[in-house]
PDB file of N, CA and C in Angstrom:
ATOM      1  N   MET A   1     -45.395 -15.593 -35.574  1.00  0.00           N
ATOM      2  CA  MET A   1     -44.096 -16.180 -35.770  1.00  0.00           C
ATOM      3  C   MET A   1     -43.206 -16.022 -34.541  1.00  0.00           C
ATOM      4  N   VAL A   2     -43.152 -14.850 -33.931  1.00  0.00           N
ATOM      5  CA  VAL A   2     -42.343 -14.602 -32.808  1.00  0.00           C
ATOM      6  C   VAL A   2     -42.712 -15.441 -31.600  1.00  0.00           C
ATOM      7  N   PRO A   3     -44.057 -15.585 -31.314  1.00  0.00           N
ATOM      8  CA  PRO A   3     -44.442 -16.411 -30.177  1.00  0.00           C
ATOM      9  C   PRO A   3     -44.005 -17.857 -30.345  1.00  0.00           C
ATOM     10  N   SER A   4     -44.004 -18.389 -31.560  1.00  0.00           N
ATOM     11  CA  SER A   4     -43.575 -19.785 -31.761  1.00  0.00           C
ATOM     12  C   SER A   4     -42.080 -19.899 -31.551  1.00  0.00           C
ATOM     13  N   ILE A   5     -41.325 -18.894 -31.924  1.00  0.00           N
ATOM     14  CA  ILE A   5     -39.863 -18.912 -31.678  1.00  0.00           C
ATOM     15  C   ILE A   5     -39.613 -18.848 -30.138  1.00  0.00           C
ATOM     16  N   VAL A   6     -40.306 -18.084 -29.432  1.00  0.00           N
ATOM     17  CA  VAL A   6     -40.134 -18.001 -28.027  1.00  0.00           C
ATOM     18  C   VAL A   6     -40.560 -19.326 -27.368  1.00  0.00           C
ATOM     19  N   THR A   7     -41.669 -19.881 -27.769  1.00  0.00           N
ATOM     20  CA  THR A   7     -42.123 -21.173 -27.240  1.00  0.00           C
ATOM     21  C   THR A   7     -41.057 -22.265 -27.515  1.00  0.00           C
ATOM     22  N   PHE A   8     -40.553 -22.266 -28.739  1.00  0.00           N
ATOM     23  CA  PHE A   8     -39.584 -23.248 -29.135  1.00  0.00           C
ATOM     24  C   PHE A   8     -38.312 -23.122 -28.261  1.00  0.00           C
ATOM     25  N   ALA A   9     -37.870 -21.875 -28.092  1.00  0.00           N
ATOM     26  CA  ALA A   9     -36.697 -21.661 -27.263  1.00  0.00           C
ATOM     27  C   ALA A   9     -36.821 -22.079 -25.864  1.00  0.00           C
ATOM     28  N   LEU A  10     -38.026 -21.799 -25.265  1.00  0.00           N
ATOM     29  CA  LEU A  10     -38.294 -22.200 -23.884  1.00  0.00           C
ATOM     30  C   LEU A  10     -38.306 -23.798 -23.744  1.00  0.00           C
ATOM     31  N   ALA A  11     -38.956 -24.447 -24.748  1.00  0.00           N
ATOM     32  CA  ALA A  11     -38.968 -25.880 -24.700  1.00  0.00           C
ATOM     33  C   ALA A  11     -37.580 -26.449 -24.810  1.00  0.00           C
ATOM     34  N   LEU A  12     -36.766 -25.874 -25.673  1.00  0.00           N
ATOM     35  CA  LEU A  12     -35.408 -26.367 -25.878  1.00  0.00           C
ATOM     36  C   LEU A  12     -34.593 -26.119 -24.595  1.00  0.00           C
ATOM     37  N   ALA A  13     -34.782 -24.987 -23.955  1.00  0.00           N
ATOM     38  CA  ALA A  13     -34.105 -24.744 -22.728  1.00  0.00           C
ATOM     39  C   ALA A  13     -34.464 -25.693 -21.597  1.00  0.00           C
ATOM     40  N   ILE A  14     -35.756 -26.076 -21.529  1.00  0.00           N
ATOM     41  CA  ILE A  14     -36.220 -27.062 -20.557  1.00  0.00           C
ATOM     42  C   ILE A  14     -35.564 -28.379 -20.788  1.00  0.00           C
ATOM     43  N   VAL A  15     -35.550 -28.864 -22.018  1.00  0.00           N
ATOM     44  CA  VAL A  15     -34.944 -30.130 -22.392  1.00  0.00           C
ATOM     45  C   VAL A  15     -33.436 -30.103 -22.014  1.00  0.00           C
ATOM     46  N   LEU A  16     -32.791 -29.027 -22.395  1.00  0.00           N
ATOM     47  CA  LEU A  16     -31.333 -28.922 -22.040  1.00  0.00           C
ATOM     48  C   LEU A  16     -31.069 -28.901 -20.591  1.00  0.00           C
ATOM     49  N   LEU A  17     -31.933 -28.203 -19.828  1.00  0.00           N
ATOM     50  CA  LEU A  17     -31.788 -28.194 -18.376  1.00  0.00           C
ATOM     51  C   LEU A  17     -31.973 -29.609 -17.771  1.00  0.00           C
ATOM     52  N   ILE A  18     -32.935 -30.297 -18.290  1.00  0.00           N
ATOM     53  CA  ILE A  18     -33.161 -31.680 -17.761  1.00  0.00           C
ATOM     54  C   ILE A  18     -32.021 -32.583 -18.054  1.00  0.00           C
ATOM     55  N   LEU A  19     -31.440 -32.497 -19.316  1.00  0.00           N
ATOM     56  CA  LEU A  19     -30.336 -33.312 -19.650  1.00  0.00           C
ATOM     57  C   LEU A  19     -29.076 -32.900 -18.845  1.00  0.00           C
ATOM     58  N   LYS A  20     -28.906 -31.611 -18.584  1.00  0.00           N
ATOM     59  CA  LYS A  20     -27.768 -31.135 -17.775  1.00  0.00           C
ATOM     60  C   LYS A  20     -27.891 -31.658 -16.368  1.00  0.00           C
ATOM     61  N   VAL A  21     -29.043 -31.650 -15.776  1.00  0.00           N
ATOM     62  CA  VAL A  21     -29.284 -32.129 -14.436  1.00  0.00           C
ATOM     63  C   VAL A  21     -28.996 -33.622 -14.363  1.00  0.00           C
ATOM     64  N   LEU A  22     -29.403 -34.282 -15.356  1.00  0.00           N
ATOM     65  CA  LEU A  22     -29.135 -35.725 -15.388  1.00  0.00           C
ATOM     66  C   LEU A  22     -27.706 -36.103 -15.649  1.00  0.00           C
ATOM     67  N   GLY A  23     -26.886 -35.145 -15.963  1.00  0.00           N
ATOM     68  CA  GLY A  23     -25.459 -35.412 -16.120  1.00  0.00           C
ATOM     69  C   GLY A  23     -25.064 -36.070 -17.430  1.00  0.00           C
ATOM     70  N   LYS A  24     -25.819 -35.878 -18.460  1.00  0.00           N
ATOM     71  CA  LYS A  24     -25.468 -36.428 -19.761  1.00  0.00           C
ATOM     72  C   LYS A  24     -24.323 -35.676 -20.378  1.00  0.00           C
ATOM     73  N   SER A  25     -23.649 -36.317 -21.310  1.00  0.00           N
ATOM     74  CA  SER A  25     -22.438 -35.752 -21.919  1.00  0.00           C
ATOM     75  C   SER A  25     -22.764 -34.614 -22.839  1.00  0.00           C
ATOM     76  N   LEU A  26     -21.768 -33.901 -23.170  1.00  0.00           N
ATOM     77  CA  LEU A  26     -21.909 -32.716 -24.076  1.00  0.00           C
ATOM     78  C   LEU A  26     -22.267 -33.142 -25.416  1.00  0.00           C
ATOM     79  N   LYS A  27     -21.881 -34.349 -25.869  1.00  0.00           N
ATOM     80  CA  LYS A  27     -22.264 -34.872 -27.226  1.00  0.00           C
ATOM     81  C   LYS A  27     -23.750 -35.028 -27.327  1.00  0.00           C
ATOM     82  N   ILE A  28     -24.438 -35.525 -26.288  1.00  0.00           N
ATOM     83  CA  ILE A  28     -25.878 -35.620 -26.335  1.00  0.00           C
ATOM     84  C   ILE A  28     -26.577 -34.262 -26.383  1.00  0.00           C
ATOM     85  N   LEU A  29     -26.005 -33.332 -25.634  1.00  0.00           N
ATOM     86  CA  LEU A  29     -26.570 -31.961 -25.587  1.00  0.00           C
ATOM     87  C   LEU A  29     -26.458 -31.299 -26.969  1.00  0.00           C
ATOM     88  N   ILE A  30     -25.307 -31.461 -27.642  1.00  0.00           N
ATOM     89  CA  ILE A  30     -25.161 -30.896 -28.980  1.00  0.00           C
ATOM     90  C   ILE A  30     -26.105 -31.599 -29.950  1.00  0.00           C
ATOM     91  N   GLY A  31     -26.312 -32.929 -29.785  1.00  0.00           N
ATOM     92  CA  GLY A  31     -27.247 -33.624 -30.651  1.00  0.00           C
ATOM     93  C   GLY A  31     -28.649 -33.147 -30.459  1.00  0.00           C
ATOM     94  N   VAL A  32     -29.071 -32.872 -29.292  1.00  0.00           N
ATOM     95  CA  VAL A  32     -30.379 -32.369 -28.989  1.00  0.00           C
ATOM     96  C   VAL A  32     -30.594 -30.968 -29.615  1.00  0.00           C
ATOM     97  N   ILE A  33     -29.559 -30.143 -29.490  1.00  0.00           N
ATOM     98  CA  ILE A  33     -29.614 -28.777 -30.049  1.00  0.00           C
ATOM     99  C   ILE A  33     -29.722 -28.876 -31.573  1.00  0.00           C
ATOM    100  N   VAL A  34     -28.943 -29.734 -32.236  1.00  0.00           N
ATOM    101  CA  VAL A  34     -28.959 -29.875 -33.676  1.00  0.00           C
ATOM    102  C   VAL A  34     -30.322 -30.406 -34.092  1.00  0.00           C
ATOM    103  N   ASN A  35     -30.837 -31.441 -33.423  1.00  0.00           N
ATOM    104  CA  ASN A  35     -32.129 -31.966 -33.765  1.00  0.00           C
ATOM    105  C   ASN A  35     -33.224 -30.930 -33.574  1.00  0.00           C
ATOM    106  N   ALA A  36     -33.112 -30.211 -32.552  1.00  0.00           N
ATOM    107  CA  ALA A  36     -34.189 -29.182 -32.296  1.00  0.00           C
ATOM    108  C   ALA A  36     -34.158 -28.083 -33.333  1.00  0.00           C
ATOM    109  N   LEU A  37     -32.950 -27.622 -33.738  1.00  0.00           N
ATOM    110  CA  LEU A  37     -32.903 -26.625 -34.754  1.00  0.00           C
ATOM    111  C   LEU A  37     -33.341 -27.108 -36.125  1.00  0.00           C
ATOM    112  N   ILE A  38     -32.925 -28.266 -36.506  1.00  0.00           N
ATOM    113  CA  ILE A  38     -33.402 -28.888 -37.772  1.00  0.00           C
ATOM    114  C   ILE A  38     -34.949 -29.063 -37.743  1.00  0.00           C
ATOM    115  N   GLY A  39     -35.478 -29.602 -36.654  1.00  0.00           N
ATOM    116  CA  GLY A  39     -36.892 -29.810 -36.534  1.00  0.00           C
ATOM    117  C   GLY A  39     -37.679 -28.509 -36.530  1.00  0.00           C
ATOM    118  N   PHE A  40     -37.150 -27.488 -35.858  1.00  0.00           N
ATOM    119  CA  PHE A  40     -37.898 -26.189 -35.867  1.00  0.00           C
ATOM    120  C   PHE A  40     -37.881 -25.585 -37.275  1.00  0.00           C
ATOM    121  N   VAL A  41     -36.771 -25.656 -37.970  1.00  0.00           N
ATOM    122  CA  VAL A  41     -36.673 -25.147 -39.344  1.00  0.00           C
ATOM    123  C   VAL A  41     -37.687 -25.898 -40.220  1.00  0.00           C
ATOM    124  N   VAL A  42     -37.744 -27.205 -40.116  1.00  0.00           N
ATOM    125  CA  VAL A  42     -38.627 -27.954 -40.940  1.00  0.00           C
ATOM    126  C   VAL A  42     -40.085 -27.681 -40.583  1.00  0.00           C
ATOM    127  N   LEU A  43     -40.432 -27.607 -39.323  1.00  0.00           N
ATOM    128  CA  LEU A  43     -41.779 -27.276 -38.879  1.00  0.00           C
ATOM    129  C   LEU A  43     -42.185 -25.870 -39.388  1.00  0.00           C
ATOM    130  N   THR A  44     -41.306 -24.971 -39.358  1.00  0.00           N
ATOM    131  CA  THR A  44     -41.591 -23.608 -39.796  1.00  0.00           C
ATOM    132  C   THR A  44     -41.784 -23.582 -41.341  1.00  0.00           C
ATOM    133  N   VAL A  45     -40.923 -24.295 -42.021  1.00  0.00           N
ATOM    134  CA  VAL A  45     -41.047 -24.343 -43.473  1.00  0.00           C
ATOM    135  C   VAL A  45     -42.408 -25.026 -43.864  1.00  0.00           C
ATOM    136  N   LEU A  46     -42.746 -26.082 -43.193  1.00  0.00           N
ATOM    137  CA  LEU A  46     -44.023 -26.731 -43.495  1.00  0.00           C
ATOM    138  C   LEU A  46     -45.186 -25.787 -43.209  1.00  0.00           C
ATOM    139  N   LYS A  47     -45.081 -25.000 -42.145  1.00  0.00           N
ATOM    140  CA  LYS A  47     -46.138 -24.053 -41.815  1.00  0.00           C
ATOM    141  C   LYS A  47     -46.259 -22.933 -42.870  1.00  0.00           C
ATOM    142  N   VAL A  48     -45.129 -22.499 -43.314  1.00  0.00           N
ATOM    143  CA  VAL A  48     -45.114 -21.465 -44.392  1.00  0.00           C
ATOM    144  C   VAL A  48     -45.581 -21.997 -45.739  1.00  0.00           C
ATOM    145  N   CYS A  49     -45.360 -23.274 -45.984  1.00  0.00           N
ATOM    146  CA  CYS A  49     -45.844 -23.932 -47.262  1.00  0.00           C
ATOM    147  C   CYS A  49     -47.310 -24.206 -47.204  1.00  0.00           C
ATOM    148  N   GLY A  50     -47.982 -23.973 -46.075  1.00  0.00           N
ATOM    149  CA  GLY A  50     -49.386 -24.208 -45.997  1.00  0.00           C
ATOM    150  C   GLY A  50     -49.862 -25.479 -45.326  1.00  0.00           C
ATOM    151  N   ILE A  51     -48.911 -26.286 -44.879  1.00  0.00           N
ATOM    152  CA  ILE A  51     -49.286 -27.515 -44.123  1.00  0.00           C
ATOM    153  C   ILE A  51     -49.482 -27.104 -42.676  1.00  0.00           C
ATOM    154  N   ALA A  52     -50.692 -27.281 -42.191  1.00  0.00           N
ATOM    155  CA  ALA A  52     -51.061 -26.838 -40.829  1.00  0.00           C
ATOM    156  C   ALA A  52     -50.414 -27.701 -39.744  1.00  0.00           C
ATOM    157  N   VAL A  53     -49.195 -27.311 -39.300  1.00  0.00           N
ATOM    158  CA  VAL A  53     -48.563 -28.057 -38.248  1.00  0.00           C
ATOM    159  C   VAL A  53     -48.303 -27.055 -37.105  1.00  0.00           C
ATOM    160  N   ALA A  54     -48.778 -27.445 -35.908  1.00  0.00           N
ATOM    161  CA  ALA A  54     -48.609 -26.651 -34.754  1.00  0.00           C
ATOM    162  C   ALA A  54     -47.171 -26.520 -34.343  1.00  0.00           C
ATOM    163  N   VAL A  55     -46.643 -25.351 -34.115  1.00  0.00           N
ATOM    164  CA  VAL A  55     -45.327 -25.166 -33.609  1.00  0.00           C
ATOM    165  C   VAL A  55     -45.528 -24.626 -32.188  1.00  0.00           C
ATOM    166  N   ASN A  56     -45.470 -25.525 -31.214  1.00  0.00           N
ATOM    167  CA  ASN A  56     -45.684 -25.217 -29.813  1.00  0.00           C
ATOM    168  C   ASN A  56     -44.680 -26.015 -28.965  1.00  0.00           C
ATOM    169  N   TRP A  57     -44.801 -25.852 -27.670  1.00  0.00           N
ATOM    170  CA  TRP A  57     -43.763 -26.505 -26.837  1.00  0.00           C
ATOM    171  C   TRP A  57     -43.818 -28.053 -26.895  1.00  0.00           C
ATOM    172  N   ILE A  58     -44.960 -28.636 -27.059  1.00  0.00           N
ATOM    173  CA  ILE A  58     -45.077 -30.098 -27.116  1.00  0.00           C
ATOM    174  C   ILE A  58     -44.377 -30.601 -28.402  1.00  0.00           C
ATOM    175  N   SER A  59     -44.755 -30.009 -29.562  1.00  0.00           N
ATOM    176  CA  SER A  59     -44.127 -30.439 -30.785  1.00  0.00           C
ATOM    177  C   SER A  59     -42.618 -30.094 -30.798  1.00  0.00           C
ATOM    178  N   ALA A  60     -42.200 -29.032 -30.187  1.00  0.00           N
ATOM    179  CA  ALA A  60     -40.807 -28.687 -30.092  1.00  0.00           C
ATOM    180  C   ALA A  60     -39.988 -29.738 -29.274  1.00  0.00           C
ATOM    181  N   ILE A  61     -40.554 -30.143 -28.186  1.00  0.00           N
ATOM    182  CA  ILE A  61     -39.932 -31.173 -27.352  1.00  0.00           C
ATOM    183  C   ILE A  61     -39.844 -32.516 -28.096  1.00  0.00           C
ATOM    184  N   ILE A  62     -40.942 -32.942 -28.742  1.00  0.00           N
ATOM    185  CA  ILE A  62     -40.932 -34.196 -29.454  1.00  0.00           C
ATOM    186  C   ILE A  62     -39.891 -34.165 -30.569  1.00  0.00           C
ATOM    187  N   VAL A  63     -39.872 -33.069 -31.386  1.00  0.00           N
ATOM    188  CA  VAL A  63     -38.936 -33.016 -32.483  1.00  0.00           C
ATOM    189  C   VAL A  63     -37.500 -32.805 -31.959  1.00  0.00           C
ATOM    190  N   GLY A  64     -37.359 -32.074 -30.901  1.00  0.00           N
ATOM    191  CA  GLY A  64     -36.042 -31.874 -30.318  1.00  0.00           C
ATOM    192  C   GLY A  64     -35.418 -33.076 -29.785  1.00  0.00           C
ATOM    193  N   LEU A  65     -36.188 -33.915 -29.179  1.00  0.00           N
ATOM    194  CA  LEU A  65     -35.625 -35.183 -28.589  1.00  0.00           C
ATOM    195  C   LEU A  65     -35.430 -36.255 -29.631  1.00  0.00           C
ATOM    196  N   LEU A  66     -36.436 -36.329 -30.554  1.00  0.00           N
ATOM    197  CA  LEU A  66     -36.367 -37.475 -31.488  1.00  0.00           C
ATOM    198  C   LEU A  66     -35.862 -37.115 -32.867  1.00  0.00           C
ATOM    199  N   GLY A  67     -35.730 -35.886 -33.202  1.00  0.00           N
ATOM    200  CA  GLY A  67     -35.264 -35.446 -34.534  1.00  0.00           C
ATOM    201  C   GLY A  67     -36.283 -35.718 -35.606  1.00  0.00           C
ATOM    202  N   VAL A  68     -35.813 -36.277 -36.745  1.00  0.00           N
ATOM    203  CA  VAL A  68     -36.686 -36.524 -37.887  1.00  0.00           C
ATOM    204  C   VAL A  68     -37.853 -37.482 -37.473  1.00  0.00           C
ATOM    205  N   PRO A  69     -37.569 -38.619 -36.779  1.00  0.00           N
ATOM    206  CA  PRO A  69     -38.711 -39.492 -36.398  1.00  0.00           C
ATOM    207  C   PRO A  69     -39.715 -38.772 -35.559  1.00  0.00           C
ATOM    208  N   GLY A  70     -39.313 -37.799 -34.712  1.00  0.00           N
ATOM    209  CA  GLY A  70     -40.244 -36.972 -33.926  1.00  0.00           C
ATOM    210  C   GLY A  70     -41.058 -36.070 -34.834  1.00  0.00           C
ATOM    211  N   LEU A  71     -40.477 -35.570 -35.878  1.00  0.00           N
ATOM    212  CA  LEU A  71     -41.142 -34.724 -36.794  1.00  0.00           C
ATOM    213  C   LEU A  71     -42.242 -35.584 -37.558  1.00  0.00           C
ATOM    214  N   VAL A  72     -41.915 -36.840 -37.874  1.00  0.00           N
ATOM    215  CA  VAL A  72     -42.933 -37.696 -38.520  1.00  0.00           C
ATOM    216  C   VAL A  72     -44.030 -37.996 -37.577  1.00  0.00           C
ATOM    217  N   ILE A  73     -43.725 -38.223 -36.239  1.00  0.00           N
ATOM    218  CA  ILE A  73     -44.735 -38.454 -35.223  1.00  0.00           C
ATOM    219  C   ILE A  73     -45.677 -37.176 -35.125  1.00  0.00           C
ATOM    220  N   VAL A  74     -45.090 -35.999 -35.117  1.00  0.00           N
ATOM    221  CA  VAL A  74     -45.902 -34.790 -34.930  1.00  0.00           C
ATOM    222  C   VAL A  74     -46.799 -34.656 -36.200  1.00  0.00           C
ATOM    223  N   LEU A  75     -46.232 -34.945 -37.400  1.00  0.00           N
ATOM    224  CA  LEU A  75     -47.023 -34.781 -38.581  1.00  0.00           C
ATOM    225  C   LEU A  75     -48.189 -35.782 -38.631  1.00  0.00           C
ATOM    226  N   VAL A  76     -47.920 -37.014 -38.226  1.00  0.00           N
ATOM    227  CA  VAL A  76     -48.974 -38.062 -38.235  1.00  0.00           C
ATOM    228  C   VAL A  76     -50.037 -37.701 -37.233  1.00  0.00           C
ATOM    229  N   LEU A  77     -49.669 -37.266 -36.071  1.00  0.00           N
ATOM    230  CA  LEU A  77     -50.664 -36.893 -35.044  1.00  0.00           C
ATOM    231  C   LEU A  77     -51.512 -35.670 -35.494  1.00  0.00           C
ATOM    232  N   GLN A  78     -50.719 -34.694 -36.075  1.00  0.00           N
ATOM    233  CA  GLN A  78     -51.427 -33.456 -36.507  1.00  0.00           C
ATOM    234  C   GLN A  78     -52.335 -33.704 -37.724  1.00  0.00           C
ATOM    235  N   LEU A  79     -51.824 -34.319 -38.759  1.00  0.00           N
ATOM    236  CA  LEU A  79     -52.510 -34.422 -39.992  1.00  0.00           C
ATOM    237  C   LEU A  79     -53.404 -35.695 -40.078  1.00  0.00           C
ATOM    238  N   GLY A  80     -52.886 -36.743 -39.541  1.00  0.00           N
ATOM    239  CA  GLY A  80     -53.620 -38.047 -39.646  1.00  0.00           C
ATOM    240  C   GLY A  80     -54.724 -38.165 -38.674  1.00  0.00           C
ATOM    241  N   PHE A  81     -54.555 -37.738 -37.489  1.00  0.00           N
ATOM    242  CA  PHE A  81     -55.545 -37.894 -36.429  1.00  0.00           C
ATOM    243  C   PHE A  81     -56.203 -36.561 -36.034  1.00  0.00           C
ATOM    244  N   HIS A  82     -55.793 -35.496 -36.673  1.00  0.00           N
ATOM    245  CA  HIS A  82     -56.388 -34.180 -36.369  1.00  0.00           C
ATOM    246  C   HIS A  82     -56.218 -33.780 -34.866  1.00  0.00           C
ATOM    247  N   MET A  83     -55.161 -34.194 -34.323  1.00  0.00           N
ATOM    248  CA  MET A  83     -54.929 -33.856 -32.929  1.00  0.00           C
ATOM    249  C   MET A  83     -54.159 -32.526 -32.860  1.00  0.00           C
ATOM    250  N   LEU A  84     -54.455 -31.705 -31.909  1.00  0.00           N
ATOM    251  CA  LEU A  84     -53.759 -30.450 -31.735  1.00  0.00           C
ATOM    252  C   LEU A  84     -52.663 -30.645 -30.668  1.00  0.00           C
ATOM    253  N   LEU A  85     -51.458 -30.636 -31.145  1.00  0.00           N
ATOM    254  CA  LEU A  85     -50.332 -30.757 -30.257  1.00  0.00           C
ATOM    255  C   LEU A  85     -49.956 -29.388 -29.728  1.00  0.00           C
TER     256      LEU A  85
END
């Protein structure tokens, strides 16, 4: 559990750094943080409930940037196509 939290935090930091360098507004940064936190919580809850979803830097970036649609993408790739993200 702790390695997934560290991986998620590093992925979020990378996304935030990229957005900061590109000069995006604070509103977008807050949106990414909120999406990332919601996505991480949902990914973790799904993992605890027994649905095998990988919580790693790729899934964290996808869910962090896209929010709920990103979560659906990760679930489809993970469960539908048996891809390891």
